[in-house]
Amino acid sequence: MISFWKIQLSRRQVITIIIGIIATIYIVWYVFDALEGFNPDYRPMRPASTWAPKTGNEFFDPSKETPEAQSAK
């Protein structure tokens, strides 16, 4: 069995491990804080502007018959 008391770490290794643990805790905290107000069912409202894209195609109506092609004489 490995005894954790016998592991010899240099100061540089200890500092690196501590900085890594602090960075990991900060990243996890930041992600949880950023996702706190996240709503997966969010639907953006349609803008009231006249420049908003239209939902239908006003130039194509499948119920209308197409005019016959005119031959050039």
N, C-alpha and C. Protein backbone atom coordinates (compact mmCIF):
# COMPACT_ATOMS: atom_id res chain seq x y z
N MET A 1 0.84 -1.18 0.00
CA MET A 1 0.00 0.00 0.00
C MET A 1 0.89 1.24 0.00
N ILE A 2 0.46 2.22 -0.76
CA ILE A 2 1.25 3.45 -0.86
C ILE A 2 0.96 4.33 0.35
N SER A 3 1.99 4.75 0.98
CA SER A 3 1.83 5.65 2.11
C SER A 3 1.95 7.09 1.61
N PHE A 4 0.92 7.88 1.83
CA PHE A 4 0.93 9.25 1.34
C PHE A 4 1.91 10.14 2.11
N TRP A 5 2.34 9.69 3.28
CA TRP A 5 3.28 10.48 4.05
C TRP A 5 4.69 10.39 3.49
N LYS A 6 4.95 9.36 2.69
CA LYS A 6 6.30 9.17 2.16
C LYS A 6 6.50 9.83 0.81
N ILE A 7 5.46 10.40 0.23
CA ILE A 7 5.60 11.05 -1.07
C ILE A 7 6.32 12.38 -0.86
N GLN A 8 7.40 12.53 -1.57
CA GLN A 8 8.19 13.76 -1.46
C GLN A 8 7.86 14.66 -2.64
N LEU A 9 7.31 15.83 -2.37
CA LEU A 9 6.99 16.79 -3.42
C LEU A 9 7.83 18.04 -3.23
N SER A 10 8.30 18.58 -4.33
CA SER A 10 9.07 19.81 -4.24
C SER A 10 8.11 20.98 -4.04
N ARG A 11 8.67 22.13 -3.69
CA ARG A 11 7.83 23.32 -3.51
C ARG A 11 7.12 23.69 -4.80
N ARG A 12 7.81 23.56 -5.90
CA ARG A 12 7.22 23.89 -7.20
C ARG A 12 6.01 22.98 -7.48
N GLN A 13 6.12 21.70 -7.18
CA GLN A 13 5.00 20.77 -7.40
C GLN A 13 3.82 21.11 -6.50
N VAL A 14 4.08 21.44 -5.24
CA VAL A 14 3.01 21.78 -4.31
C VAL A 14 2.30 23.05 -4.77
N ILE A 15 3.06 24.06 -5.17
CA ILE A 15 2.46 25.31 -5.65
C ILE A 15 1.66 25.07 -6.92
N THR A 16 2.18 24.26 -7.82
CA THR A 16 1.46 23.95 -9.07
C THR A 16 0.16 23.22 -8.77
N ILE A 17 0.18 22.28 -7.85
CA ILE A 17 -1.03 21.54 -7.49
C ILE A 17 -2.06 22.47 -6.86
N ILE A 18 -1.63 23.34 -5.96
CA ILE A 18 -2.55 24.28 -5.31
C ILE A 18 -3.15 25.24 -6.34
N ILE A 19 -2.34 25.77 -7.24
CA ILE A 19 -2.86 26.67 -8.28
C ILE A 19 -3.83 25.92 -9.19
N GLY A 20 -3.53 24.68 -9.51
CA GLY A 20 -4.44 23.88 -10.34
C GLY A 20 -5.78 23.64 -9.67
N ILE A 21 -5.75 23.35 -8.39
CA ILE A 21 -6.99 23.12 -7.65
C ILE A 21 -7.81 24.42 -7.57
N ILE A 22 -7.15 25.54 -7.30
CA ILE A 22 -7.86 26.83 -7.23
C ILE A 22 -8.45 27.18 -8.60
N ALA A 23 -7.69 26.96 -9.67
CA ALA A 23 -8.20 27.26 -11.01
C ALA A 23 -9.39 26.38 -11.35
N THR A 24 -9.35 25.11 -10.98
CA THR A 24 -10.46 24.20 -11.24
C THR A 24 -11.71 24.63 -10.48
N ILE A 25 -11.55 25.00 -9.22
CA ILE A 25 -12.69 25.46 -8.43
C ILE A 25 -13.28 26.73 -9.03
N TYR A 26 -12.43 27.66 -9.47
CA TYR A 26 -12.91 28.90 -10.07
C TYR A 26 -13.68 28.65 -11.36
N ILE A 27 -13.16 27.76 -12.22
CA ILE A 27 -13.84 27.47 -13.49
C ILE A 27 -15.19 26.82 -13.25
N VAL A 28 -15.27 25.87 -12.33
CA VAL A 28 -16.54 25.22 -12.02
C VAL A 28 -17.53 26.24 -11.45
N TRP A 29 -17.07 27.12 -10.55
CA TRP A 29 -17.94 28.16 -9.99
C TRP A 29 -18.43 29.10 -11.10
N TYR A 30 -17.54 29.49 -12.01
CA TYR A 30 -17.91 30.41 -13.09
C TYR A 30 -18.96 29.79 -14.01
N VAL A 31 -18.81 28.53 -14.36
CA VAL A 31 -19.77 27.86 -15.23
C VAL A 31 -21.13 27.75 -14.55
N PHE A 32 -21.17 27.35 -13.30
CA PHE A 32 -22.44 27.26 -12.57
C PHE A 32 -23.10 28.62 -12.45
N ASP A 33 -22.31 29.66 -12.21
CA ASP A 33 -22.86 31.00 -12.09
C ASP A 33 -23.39 31.49 -13.45
N ALA A 34 -22.72 31.15 -14.53
CA ALA A 34 -23.17 31.57 -15.86
C ALA A 34 -24.44 30.84 -16.27
N LEU A 35 -24.60 29.61 -15.85
CA LEU A 35 -25.78 28.83 -16.22
C LEU A 35 -26.96 29.05 -15.28
N GLU A 36 -26.79 29.85 -14.27
CA GLU A 36 -27.86 30.06 -13.29
C GLU A 36 -29.12 30.64 -13.91
N GLY A 37 -28.98 31.62 -14.80
CA GLY A 37 -30.14 32.23 -15.41
C GLY A 37 -30.51 31.63 -16.75
N PHE A 38 -29.89 30.52 -17.11
CA PHE A 38 -30.13 29.89 -18.41
C PHE A 38 -31.47 29.19 -18.42
N ASN A 39 -32.28 29.48 -19.44
CA ASN A 39 -33.58 28.86 -19.59
C ASN A 39 -33.59 28.09 -20.91
N PRO A 40 -33.60 26.76 -20.90
CA PRO A 40 -33.56 26.00 -22.15
C PRO A 40 -34.82 26.15 -22.99
N ASP A 41 -35.92 26.64 -22.41
CA ASP A 41 -37.17 26.81 -23.16
C ASP A 41 -37.34 28.24 -23.67
N TYR A 42 -36.28 29.04 -23.66
CA TYR A 42 -36.37 30.44 -24.07
C TYR A 42 -36.63 30.54 -25.57
N ARG A 43 -37.61 31.36 -25.93
CA ARG A 43 -37.91 31.65 -27.33
C ARG A 43 -37.85 33.16 -27.50
N PRO A 44 -36.97 33.67 -28.35
CA PRO A 44 -36.88 35.12 -28.50
C PRO A 44 -38.16 35.68 -29.11
N MET A 45 -38.53 36.87 -28.68
CA MET A 45 -39.73 37.51 -29.19
C MET A 45 -39.48 38.03 -30.60
N ARG A 46 -40.52 38.03 -31.40
CA ARG A 46 -40.42 38.55 -32.75
C ARG A 46 -40.37 40.07 -32.67
N PRO A 47 -39.42 40.68 -33.39
CA PRO A 47 -39.33 42.15 -33.33
C PRO A 47 -40.54 42.81 -33.97
N ALA A 48 -40.92 43.96 -33.45
CA ALA A 48 -42.08 44.68 -33.96
C ALA A 48 -41.72 45.54 -35.16
N SER A 49 -40.52 45.43 -35.64
CA SER A 49 -40.05 46.24 -36.76
C SER A 49 -40.70 45.79 -38.06
N THR A 50 -40.81 46.72 -39.00
CA THR A 50 -41.33 46.37 -40.33
C THR A 50 -40.30 45.61 -41.14
N TRP A 51 -39.07 45.63 -40.70
CA TRP A 51 -38.01 44.92 -41.41
C TRP A 51 -37.90 43.47 -40.98
N ALA A 52 -38.77 43.03 -40.12
CA ALA A 52 -38.73 41.65 -39.64
C ALA A 52 -39.07 40.71 -40.79
N PRO A 53 -38.44 39.55 -40.85
CA PRO A 53 -38.73 38.61 -41.93
C PRO A 53 -40.16 38.10 -41.83
N LYS A 54 -40.76 37.90 -42.97
CA LYS A 54 -42.14 37.41 -43.02
C LYS A 54 -42.14 35.89 -42.90
N THR A 55 -43.22 35.36 -42.35
CA THR A 55 -43.28 33.92 -42.14
C THR A 55 -43.75 33.19 -43.38
N GLY A 56 -44.53 33.83 -44.23
CA GLY A 56 -45.04 33.16 -45.42
C GLY A 56 -44.40 33.71 -46.68
N ASN A 57 -44.64 33.04 -47.80
CA ASN A 57 -44.13 33.50 -49.08
C ASN A 57 -45.30 34.09 -49.85
N GLU A 58 -45.28 35.41 -50.05
CA GLU A 58 -46.39 36.06 -50.71
C GLU A 58 -46.36 35.91 -52.23
N PHE A 59 -45.27 35.44 -52.79
CA PHE A 59 -45.16 35.30 -54.24
C PHE A 59 -45.53 33.90 -54.72
N PHE A 60 -45.62 32.95 -53.83
CA PHE A 60 -45.93 31.58 -54.22
C PHE A 60 -47.17 31.11 -53.48
N ASP A 61 -48.18 30.72 -54.25
CA ASP A 61 -49.40 30.18 -53.68
C ASP A 61 -49.69 28.87 -54.39
N PRO A 62 -49.55 27.73 -53.74
CA PRO A 62 -49.73 26.45 -54.42
C PRO A 62 -51.17 26.19 -54.85
N SER A 63 -52.13 26.94 -54.31
CA SER A 63 -53.52 26.71 -54.69
C SER A 63 -53.86 27.38 -56.03
N LYS A 64 -53.04 28.32 -56.48
CA LYS A 64 -53.29 28.98 -57.76
C LYS A 64 -52.72 28.14 -58.90
N GLU A 65 -53.37 28.24 -60.05
CA GLU A 65 -52.85 27.54 -61.22
C GLU A 65 -51.80 28.41 -61.89
N THR A 66 -50.81 27.76 -62.46
CA THR A 66 -49.76 28.52 -63.14
C THR A 66 -50.22 28.89 -64.53
N PRO A 67 -49.91 30.08 -65.01
CA PRO A 67 -50.29 30.46 -66.36
C PRO A 67 -49.47 29.66 -67.38
N GLU A 68 -50.08 29.38 -68.51
CA GLU A 68 -49.38 28.64 -69.57
C GLU A 68 -48.29 29.51 -70.15
N ALA A 69 -47.21 28.88 -70.54
CA ALA A 69 -46.09 29.62 -71.13
C ALA A 69 -46.48 30.10 -72.51
N GLN A 70 -46.14 31.34 -72.82
CA GLN A 70 -46.43 31.92 -74.13
C GLN A 70 -45.27 31.63 -75.05
N SER A 71 -45.56 31.16 -76.24
CA SER A 71 -44.50 30.91 -77.20
C SER A 71 -44.22 32.18 -77.97
N ALA A 72 -42.96 32.46 -78.23
CA ALA A 72 -42.57 33.66 -78.97
C ALA A 72 -42.79 33.43 -80.45
N LYS A 73 -43.47 34.39 -81.17
CA LYS A 73 -43.73 34.23 -82.59
C LYS A 73 -42.95 35.20 -83.41
